Amino acid sequence: QYYVVYDGNCNLCVTLVQLLETLDQGKLFRYIPMQDSQKIQQWGITPQDCELGMILIDANTPEKRWQGSAAAEEIGRLLPLGSV
């Protein structure tokens, strides 16, 4: 399981999350908008962290994180695109 922390006020981000939800079908990713301050604080994420782009968190190893383009690359690597 992975958590995708994204900007819920960004139309592009929301559209990408919707596409990801369709591809993933709830198997691998859970989604948290950056605006959900209670949830992101649980992960030790600050508003300053959010300014640097999307964040991907490994739920089993929360200290393992990717941000920005590295998060997008890791999501792409994790997706079973061959089966879609």
PDB file of N, CA and C in Angstrom:
ATOM      1  N   GLN A   1       0.834  -1.192   0.000  1.00  0.00           N
ATOM      2  CA  GLN A   1       0.000   0.000   0.000  1.00  0.00           C
ATOM      3  C   GLN A   1       0.872   1.245   0.000  1.00  0.00           C
ATOM      4  N   TYR A   2       0.395   2.250  -0.719  1.00  0.00           N
ATOM      5  CA  TYR A   2       1.089   3.529  -0.806  1.00  0.00           C
ATOM      6  C   TYR A   2       0.065   4.647  -0.639  1.00  0.00           C
ATOM      7  N   TYR A   3       0.528   5.763  -0.096  1.00  0.00           N
ATOM      8  CA  TYR A   3      -0.305   6.952   0.022  1.00  0.00           C
ATOM      9  C   TYR A   3       0.206   8.001  -0.950  1.00  0.00           C
ATOM     10  N   VAL A   4      -0.714   8.556  -1.731  1.00  0.00           N
ATOM     11  CA  VAL A   4      -0.390   9.628  -2.659  1.00  0.00           C
ATOM     12  C   VAL A   4      -0.943  10.913  -2.055  1.00  0.00           C
ATOM     13  N   VAL A   5      -0.052  11.830  -1.706  1.00  0.00           N
ATOM     14  CA  VAL A   5      -0.450  13.122  -1.159  1.00  0.00           C
ATOM     15  C   VAL A   5      -0.375  14.105  -2.321  1.00  0.00           C
ATOM     16  N   TYR A   6      -1.533  14.698  -2.668  1.00  0.00           N
ATOM     17  CA  TYR A   6      -1.621  15.554  -3.850  1.00  0.00           C
ATOM     18  C   TYR A   6      -2.346  16.847  -3.513  1.00  0.00           C
ATOM     19  N   ASP A   7      -2.230  17.818  -4.404  1.00  0.00           N
ATOM     20  CA  ASP A   7      -2.878  19.117  -4.222  1.00  0.00           C
ATOM     21  C   ASP A   7      -4.325  19.030  -4.694  1.00  0.00           C
ATOM     22  N   GLY A   8      -5.260  19.011  -3.756  1.00  0.00           N
ATOM     23  CA  GLY A   8      -6.684  18.901  -4.069  1.00  0.00           C
ATOM     24  C   GLY A   8      -7.268  20.146  -4.705  1.00  0.00           C
ATOM     25  N   ASN A   9      -6.506  21.236  -4.757  1.00  0.00           N
ATOM     26  CA  ASN A   9      -6.965  22.474  -5.400  1.00  0.00           C
ATOM     27  C   ASN A   9      -6.434  22.620  -6.822  1.00  0.00           C
ATOM     28  N   CYS A  10      -5.624  21.671  -7.247  1.00  0.00           N
ATOM     29  CA  CYS A  10      -5.011  21.724  -8.571  1.00  0.00           C
ATOM     30  C   CYS A  10      -5.805  20.821  -9.517  1.00  0.00           C
ATOM     31  N   ASN A  11      -6.398  21.415 -10.560  1.00  0.00           N
ATOM     32  CA  ASN A  11      -7.219  20.617 -11.487  1.00  0.00           C
ATOM     33  C   ASN A  11      -6.411  19.510 -12.143  1.00  0.00           C
ATOM     34  N   LEU A  12      -5.174  19.795 -12.526  1.00  0.00           N
ATOM     35  CA  LEU A  12      -4.329  18.776 -13.143  1.00  0.00           C
ATOM     36  C   LEU A  12      -4.069  17.631 -12.169  1.00  0.00           C
ATOM     37  N   CYS A  13      -3.755  17.976 -10.917  1.00  0.00           N
ATOM     38  CA  CYS A  13      -3.481  16.945  -9.898  1.00  0.00           C
ATOM     39  C   CYS A  13      -4.711  16.073  -9.657  1.00  0.00           C
ATOM     40  N   VAL A  14      -5.865  16.697  -9.547  1.00  0.00           N
ATOM     41  CA  VAL A  14      -7.109  15.959  -9.300  1.00  0.00           C
ATOM     42  C   VAL A  14      -7.407  15.026 -10.479  1.00  0.00           C
ATOM     43  N   THR A  15      -7.206  15.524 -11.707  1.00  0.00           N
ATOM     44  CA  THR A  15      -7.439  14.708 -12.894  1.00  0.00           C
ATOM     45  C   THR A  15      -6.481  13.525 -12.933  1.00  0.00           C
ATOM     46  N   LEU A  16      -5.218  13.761 -12.590  1.00  0.00           N
ATOM     47  CA  LEU A  16      -4.243  12.673 -12.562  1.00  0.00           C
ATOM     48  C   LEU A  16      -4.598  11.633 -11.505  1.00  0.00           C
ATOM     49  N   VAL A  17      -5.072  12.082 -10.353  1.00  0.00           N
ATOM     50  CA  VAL A  17      -5.483  11.144  -9.298  1.00  0.00           C
ATOM     51  C   VAL A  17      -6.684  10.326  -9.772  1.00  0.00           C
ATOM     52  N   GLN A  18      -7.627  10.963 -10.468  1.00  0.00           N
ATOM     53  CA  GLN A  18      -8.789  10.229 -10.985  1.00  0.00           C
ATOM     54  C   GLN A  18      -8.346   9.160 -11.984  1.00  0.00           C
ATOM     55  N   LEU A  19      -7.378   9.504 -12.830  1.00  0.00           N
ATOM     56  CA  LEU A  19      -6.847   8.536 -13.789  1.00  0.00           C
ATOM     57  C   LEU A  19      -6.148   7.398 -13.057  1.00  0.00           C
ATOM     58  N   LEU A  20      -5.370   7.749 -12.062  1.00  0.00           N
ATOM     59  CA  LEU A  20      -4.663   6.752 -11.264  1.00  0.00           C
ATOM     60  C   LEU A  20      -5.646   5.824 -10.554  1.00  0.00           C
ATOM     61  N   GLU A  21      -6.737   6.394 -10.031  1.00  0.00           N
ATOM     62  CA  GLU A  21      -7.764   5.573  -9.377  1.00  0.00           C
ATOM     63  C   GLU A  21      -8.356   4.570 -10.360  1.00  0.00           C
ATOM     64  N   THR A  22      -8.574   5.004 -11.593  1.00  0.00           N
ATOM     65  CA  THR A  22      -9.134   4.125 -12.618  1.00  0.00           C
ATOM     66  C   THR A  22      -8.166   2.995 -12.953  1.00  0.00           C
ATOM     67  N   LEU A  23      -6.881   3.352 -13.109  1.00  0.00           N
ATOM     68  CA  LEU A  23      -5.878   2.341 -13.452  1.00  0.00           C
ATOM     69  C   LEU A  23      -5.624   1.371 -12.306  1.00  0.00           C
ATOM     70  N   ASP A  24      -5.575   1.899 -11.107  1.00  0.00           N
ATOM     71  CA  ASP A  24      -5.215   1.096  -9.925  1.00  0.00           C
ATOM     72  C   ASP A  24      -6.401   0.319  -9.360  1.00  0.00           C
ATOM     73  N   GLN A  25      -7.588   0.863  -9.473  1.00  0.00           N
ATOM     74  CA  GLN A  25      -8.824   0.255  -8.963  1.00  0.00           C
ATOM     75  C   GLN A  25      -8.747  -0.060  -7.473  1.00  0.00           C
ATOM     76  N   GLY A  26      -8.090   0.824  -6.706  1.00  0.00           N
ATOM     77  CA  GLY A  26      -8.054   0.692  -5.258  1.00  0.00           C
ATOM     78  C   GLY A  26      -7.144  -0.397  -4.722  1.00  0.00           C
ATOM     79  N   LYS A  27      -6.303  -0.961  -5.565  1.00  0.00           N
ATOM     80  CA  LYS A  27      -5.463  -2.074  -5.136  1.00  0.00           C
ATOM     81  C   LYS A  27      -4.212  -1.630  -4.386  1.00  0.00           C
ATOM     82  N   LEU A  28      -3.559  -0.572  -4.867  1.00  0.00           N
ATOM     83  CA  LEU A  28      -2.244  -0.232  -4.351  1.00  0.00           C
ATOM     84  C   LEU A  28      -2.176   1.133  -3.675  1.00  0.00           C
ATOM     85  N   PHE A  29      -2.976   2.079  -4.168  1.00  0.00           N
ATOM     86  CA  PHE A  29      -2.843   3.463  -3.716  1.00  0.00           C
ATOM     87  C   PHE A  29      -4.061   3.968  -2.943  1.00  0.00           C
ATOM     88  N   ARG A  30      -3.776   4.800  -1.955  1.00  0.00           N
ATOM     89  CA  ARG A  30      -4.786   5.573  -1.225  1.00  0.00           C
ATOM     90  C   ARG A  30      -4.410   7.032  -1.430  1.00  0.00           C
ATOM     91  N   TYR A  31      -5.386   7.920  -1.374  1.00  0.00           N
ATOM     92  CA  TYR A  31      -5.156   9.306  -1.758  1.00  0.00           C
ATOM     93  C   TYR A  31      -5.489  10.266  -0.624  1.00  0.00           C
ATOM     94  N   ILE A  32      -4.600  11.223  -0.418  1.00  0.00           N
ATOM     95  CA  ILE A  32      -4.788  12.221   0.636  1.00  0.00           C
ATOM     96  C   ILE A  32      -4.528  13.602   0.029  1.00  0.00           C
ATOM     97  N   PRO A  33      -5.546  14.465   0.011  1.00  0.00           N
ATOM     98  CA  PRO A  33      -5.266  15.821  -0.467  1.00  0.00           C
ATOM     99  C   PRO A  33      -4.395  16.568   0.544  1.00  0.00           C
ATOM    100  N   MET A  34      -3.500  17.398   0.022  1.00  0.00           N
ATOM    101  CA  MET A  34      -2.610  18.182   0.884  1.00  0.00           C
ATOM    102  C   MET A  34      -3.388  19.080   1.835  1.00  0.00           C
ATOM    103  N   GLN A  35      -4.621  19.386   1.475  1.00  0.00           N
ATOM    104  CA  GLN A  35      -5.450  20.269   2.286  1.00  0.00           C
ATOM    105  C   GLN A  35      -6.003  19.567   3.535  1.00  0.00           C
ATOM    106  N   ASP A  36      -5.859  18.267   3.627  1.00  0.00           N
ATOM    107  CA  ASP A  36      -6.299  17.513   4.804  1.00  0.00           C
ATOM    108  C   ASP A  36      -5.175  17.571   5.847  1.00  0.00           C
ATOM    109  N   SER A  37      -5.099  18.700   6.546  1.00  0.00           N
ATOM    110  CA  SER A  37      -3.962  18.966   7.436  1.00  0.00           C
ATOM    111  C   SER A  37      -3.824  17.924   8.546  1.00  0.00           C
ATOM    112  N   GLN A  38      -4.932  17.396   9.060  1.00  0.00           N
ATOM    113  CA  GLN A  38      -4.829  16.381  10.122  1.00  0.00           C
ATOM    114  C   GLN A  38      -4.122  15.129   9.621  1.00  0.00           C
ATOM    115  N   LYS A  39      -4.513  14.658   8.440  1.00  0.00           N
ATOM    116  CA  LYS A  39      -3.910  13.439   7.902  1.00  0.00           C
ATOM    117  C   LYS A  39      -2.444  13.647   7.561  1.00  0.00           C
ATOM    118  N   ILE A  40      -2.118  14.769   6.916  1.00  0.00           N
ATOM    119  CA  ILE A  40      -0.716  14.937   6.509  1.00  0.00           C
ATOM    120  C   ILE A  40       0.185  15.163   7.719  1.00  0.00           C
ATOM    121  N   GLN A  41      -0.368  15.749   8.787  1.00  0.00           N
ATOM    122  CA  GLN A  41       0.426  15.924  10.004  1.00  0.00           C
ATOM    123  C   GLN A  41       0.776  14.572  10.626  1.00  0.00           C
ATOM    124  N   GLN A  42      -0.116  13.586  10.478  1.00  0.00           N
ATOM    125  CA  GLN A  42       0.158  12.229  10.976  1.00  0.00           C
ATOM    126  C   GLN A  42       1.427  11.668  10.352  1.00  0.00           C
ATOM    127  N   TRP A  43       1.695  12.068   9.114  1.00  0.00           N
ATOM    128  CA  TRP A  43       2.857  11.585   8.384  1.00  0.00           C
ATOM    129  C   TRP A  43       4.055  12.526   8.545  1.00  0.00           C
ATOM    130  N   GLY A  44       3.896  13.580   9.343  1.00  0.00           N
ATOM    131  CA  GLY A  44       4.991  14.523   9.552  1.00  0.00           C
ATOM    132  C   GLY A  44       5.243  15.416   8.355  1.00  0.00           C
ATOM    133  N   ILE A  45       4.215  15.613   7.543  1.00  0.00           N
ATOM    134  CA  ILE A  45       4.344  16.441   6.348  1.00  0.00           C
ATOM    135  C   ILE A  45       3.914  17.865   6.677  1.00  0.00           C
ATOM    136  N   THR A  46       4.743  18.822   6.311  1.00  0.00           N
ATOM    137  CA  THR A  46       4.460  20.236   6.577  1.00  0.00           C
ATOM    138  C   THR A  46       3.924  20.910   5.314  1.00  0.00           C
ATOM    139  N   PRO A  47       3.295  22.081   5.463  1.00  0.00           N
ATOM    140  CA  PRO A  47       2.884  22.835   4.275  1.00  0.00           C
ATOM    141  C   PRO A  47       4.069  23.138   3.350  1.00  0.00           C
ATOM    142  N   GLN A  48       5.239  23.339   3.932  1.00  0.00           N
ATOM    143  CA  GLN A  48       6.428  23.598   3.119  1.00  0.00           C
ATOM    144  C   GLN A  48       6.786  22.368   2.277  1.00  0.00           C
ATOM    145  N   ASP A  49       6.609  21.180   2.852  1.00  0.00           N
ATOM    146  CA  ASP A  49       6.854  19.949   2.094  1.00  0.00           C
ATOM    147  C   ASP A  49       5.916  19.883   0.890  1.00  0.00           C
ATOM    148  N   CYS A  50       4.671  20.278   1.101  1.00  0.00           N
ATOM    149  CA  CYS A  50       3.657  20.204   0.051  1.00  0.00           C
ATOM    150  C   CYS A  50       3.982  21.132  -1.119  1.00  0.00           C
ATOM    151  N   GLU A  51       4.670  22.211  -0.836  1.00  0.00           N
ATOM    152  CA  GLU A  51       5.026  23.151  -1.903  1.00  0.00           C
ATOM    153  C   GLU A  51       5.992  22.531  -2.911  1.00  0.00           C
ATOM    154  N   LEU A  52       6.636  21.441  -2.530  1.00  0.00           N
ATOM    155  CA  LEU A  52       7.628  20.810  -3.400  1.00  0.00           C
ATOM    156  C   LEU A  52       7.022  19.758  -4.319  1.00  0.00           C
ATOM    157  N   GLY A  53       5.695  19.578  -4.278  1.00  0.00           N
ATOM    158  CA  GLY A  53       5.032  18.663  -5.197  1.00  0.00           C
ATOM    159  C   GLY A  53       4.438  17.440  -4.525  1.00  0.00           C
ATOM    160  N   MET A  54       3.829  16.613  -5.360  1.00  0.00           N
ATOM    161  CA  MET A  54       3.181  15.385  -4.913  1.00  0.00           C
ATOM    162  C   MET A  54       4.146  14.534  -4.087  1.00  0.00           C
ATOM    163  N   ILE A  55       3.598  13.831  -3.100  1.00  0.00           N
ATOM    164  CA  ILE A  55       4.402  12.975  -2.234  1.00  0.00           C
ATOM    165  C   ILE A  55       3.829  11.559  -2.272  1.00  0.00           C
ATOM    166  N   LEU A  56       4.693  10.584  -2.429  1.00  0.00           N
ATOM    167  CA  LEU A  56       4.304   9.176  -2.384  1.00  0.00           C
ATOM    168  C   LEU A  56       4.945   8.566  -1.142  1.00  0.00           C
ATOM    169  N   ILE A  57       4.124   7.922  -0.311  1.00  0.00           N
ATOM    170  CA  ILE A  57       4.609   7.332   0.940  1.00  0.00           C
ATOM    171  C   ILE A  57       4.349   5.830   0.910  1.00  0.00           C
ATOM    172  N   ASP A  58       5.364   5.063   1.244  1.00  0.00           N
ATOM    173  CA  ASP A  58       5.221   3.615   1.376  1.00  0.00           C
ATOM    174  C   ASP A  58       4.571   3.354   2.739  1.00  0.00           C
ATOM    175  N   ALA A  59       3.363   2.808   2.750  1.00  0.00           N
ATOM    176  CA  ALA A  59       2.623   2.613   4.001  1.00  0.00           C
ATOM    177  C   ALA A  59       3.332   1.639   4.943  1.00  0.00           C
ATOM    178  N   ASN A  60       4.057   0.677   4.411  1.00  0.00           N
ATOM    179  CA  ASN A  60       4.756  -0.295   5.244  1.00  0.00           C
ATOM    180  C   ASN A  60       6.052   0.263   5.824  1.00  0.00           C
ATOM    181  N   THR A  61       6.632   1.219   5.138  1.00  0.00           N
ATOM    182  CA  THR A  61       7.881   1.856   5.566  1.00  0.00           C
ATOM    183  C   THR A  61       7.723   3.360   5.364  1.00  0.00           C
ATOM    184  N   PRO A  62       6.969   4.036   6.268  1.00  0.00           N
ATOM    185  CA  PRO A  62       6.618   5.447   6.048  1.00  0.00           C
ATOM    186  C   PRO A  62       7.793   6.398   5.852  1.00  0.00           C
ATOM    187  N   GLU A  63       8.973   6.016   6.331  1.00  0.00           N
ATOM    188  CA  GLU A  63      10.119   6.900   6.110  1.00  0.00           C
ATOM    189  C   GLU A  63      10.597   6.829   4.653  1.00  0.00           C
ATOM    190  N   LYS A  64      10.094   5.849   3.914  1.00  0.00           N
ATOM    191  CA  LYS A  64      10.416   5.704   2.496  1.00  0.00           C
ATOM    192  C   LYS A  64       9.426   6.555   1.707  1.00  0.00           C
ATOM    193  N   ARG A  65       9.950   7.662   1.119  1.00  0.00           N
ATOM    194  CA  ARG A  65       9.088   8.621   0.421  1.00  0.00           C
ATOM    195  C   ARG A  65       9.738   9.087  -0.869  1.00  0.00           C
ATOM    196  N   TRP A  66       8.880   9.483  -1.781  1.00  0.00           N
ATOM    197  CA  TRP A  66       9.313  10.089  -3.034  1.00  0.00           C
ATOM    198  C   TRP A  66       8.525  11.379  -3.187  1.00  0.00           C
ATOM    199  N   GLN A  67       9.113  12.374  -3.847  1.00  0.00           N
ATOM    200  CA  GLN A  67       8.403  13.634  -4.014  1.00  0.00           C
ATOM    201  C   GLN A  67       8.626  14.192  -5.410  1.00  0.00           C
ATOM    202  N   GLY A  68       7.593  14.914  -5.894  1.00  0.00           N
ATOM    203  CA  GLY A  68       7.682  15.555  -7.202  1.00  0.00           C
ATOM    204  C   GLY A  68       7.812  14.533  -8.314  1.00  0.00           C
ATOM    205  N   SER A  69       8.750  14.768  -9.236  1.00  0.00           N
ATOM    206  CA  SER A  69       8.900  13.876 -10.387  1.00  0.00           C
ATOM    207  C   SER A  69       9.331  12.473  -9.952  1.00  0.00           C
ATOM    208  N   ALA A  70      10.083  12.362  -8.851  1.00  0.00           N
ATOM    209  CA  ALA A  70      10.466  11.036  -8.342  1.00  0.00           C
ATOM    210  C   ALA A  70       9.225  10.246  -7.915  1.00  0.00           C
ATOM    211  N   ALA A  71       8.228  10.931  -7.335  1.00  0.00           N
ATOM    212  CA  ALA A  71       6.975  10.275  -6.946  1.00  0.00           C
ATOM    213  C   ALA A  71       6.235   9.787  -8.186  1.00  0.00           C
ATOM    214  N   ALA A  72       6.179  10.633  -9.219  1.00  0.00           N
ATOM    215  CA  ALA A  72       5.495  10.251 -10.454  1.00  0.00           C
ATOM    216  C   ALA A  72       6.180   9.048 -11.100  1.00  0.00           C
ATOM    217  N   GLU A  73       7.504   9.030 -11.111  1.00  0.00           N
ATOM    218  CA  GLU A  73       8.247   7.909 -11.687  1.00  0.00           C
ATOM    219  C   GLU A  73       7.995   6.618 -10.909  1.00  0.00           C
ATOM    220  N   GLU A  74       7.966   6.712  -9.579  1.00  0.00           N
ATOM    221  CA  GLU A  74       7.742   5.524  -8.757  1.00  0.00           C
ATOM    222  C   GLU A  74       6.318   5.007  -8.940  1.00  0.00           C
ATOM    223  N   ILE A  75       5.336   5.901  -9.035  1.00  0.00           N
ATOM    224  CA  ILE A  75       3.949   5.489  -9.286  1.00  0.00           C
ATOM    225  C   ILE A  75       3.880   4.748 -10.615  1.00  0.00           C
ATOM    226  N   GLY A  76       4.527   5.306 -11.636  1.00  0.00           N
ATOM    227  CA  GLY A  76       4.547   4.657 -12.950  1.00  0.00           C
ATOM    228  C   GLY A  76       5.188   3.277 -12.891  1.00  0.00           C
ATOM    229  N   ARG A  77       6.236   3.140 -12.095  1.00  0.00           N
ATOM    230  CA  ARG A  77       6.925   1.857 -11.953  1.00  0.00           C
ATOM    231  C   ARG A  77       6.047   0.830 -11.236  1.00  0.00           C
ATOM    232  N   LEU A  78       5.261   1.307 -10.258  1.00  0.00           N
ATOM    233  CA  LEU A  78       4.430   0.414  -9.443  1.00  0.00           C
ATOM    234  C   LEU A  78       3.163  -0.035 -10.157  1.00  0.00           C
ATOM    235  N   LEU A  79       2.666   0.772 -11.066  1.00  0.00           N
ATOM    236  CA  LEU A  79       1.413   0.441 -11.742  1.00  0.00           C
ATOM    237  C   LEU A  79       1.560  -0.776 -12.662  1.00  0.00           C
ATOM    238  N   PRO A  80       0.612  -1.680 -12.599  1.00  0.00           N
ATOM    239  CA  PRO A  80       0.640  -2.833 -13.495  1.00  0.00           C
ATOM    240  C   PRO A  80       0.022  -2.473 -14.856  1.00  0.00           C
ATOM    241  N   LEU A  81       0.675  -1.581 -15.577  1.00  0.00           N
ATOM    242  CA  LEU A  81       0.094  -1.067 -16.818  1.00  0.00           C
ATOM    243  C   LEU A  81      -0.113  -2.159 -17.866  1.00  0.00           C
ATOM    244  N   GLY A  82       0.662  -3.199 -17.807  1.00  0.00           N
ATOM    245  CA  GLY A  82       0.510  -4.267 -18.770  1.00  0.00           C
ATOM    246  C   GLY A  82      -0.839  -4.966 -18.674  1.00  0.00           C
ATOM    247  N   SER A  83      -1.501  -4.894 -17.545  1.00  0.00           N
ATOM    248  CA  SER A  83      -2.767  -5.612 -17.367  1.00  0.00           C
ATOM    249  C   SER A  83      -3.978  -4.736 -17.624  1.00  0.00           C
ATOM    250  N   VAL A  84      -3.742  -3.464 -17.985  1.00  0.00           N
ATOM    251  CA  VAL A  84      -4.881  -2.543 -18.223  1.00  0.00           C
ATOM    252  C   VAL A  84      -5.276  -2.600 -19.668  1.00  0.00           C
TER     253      VAL A  84
END
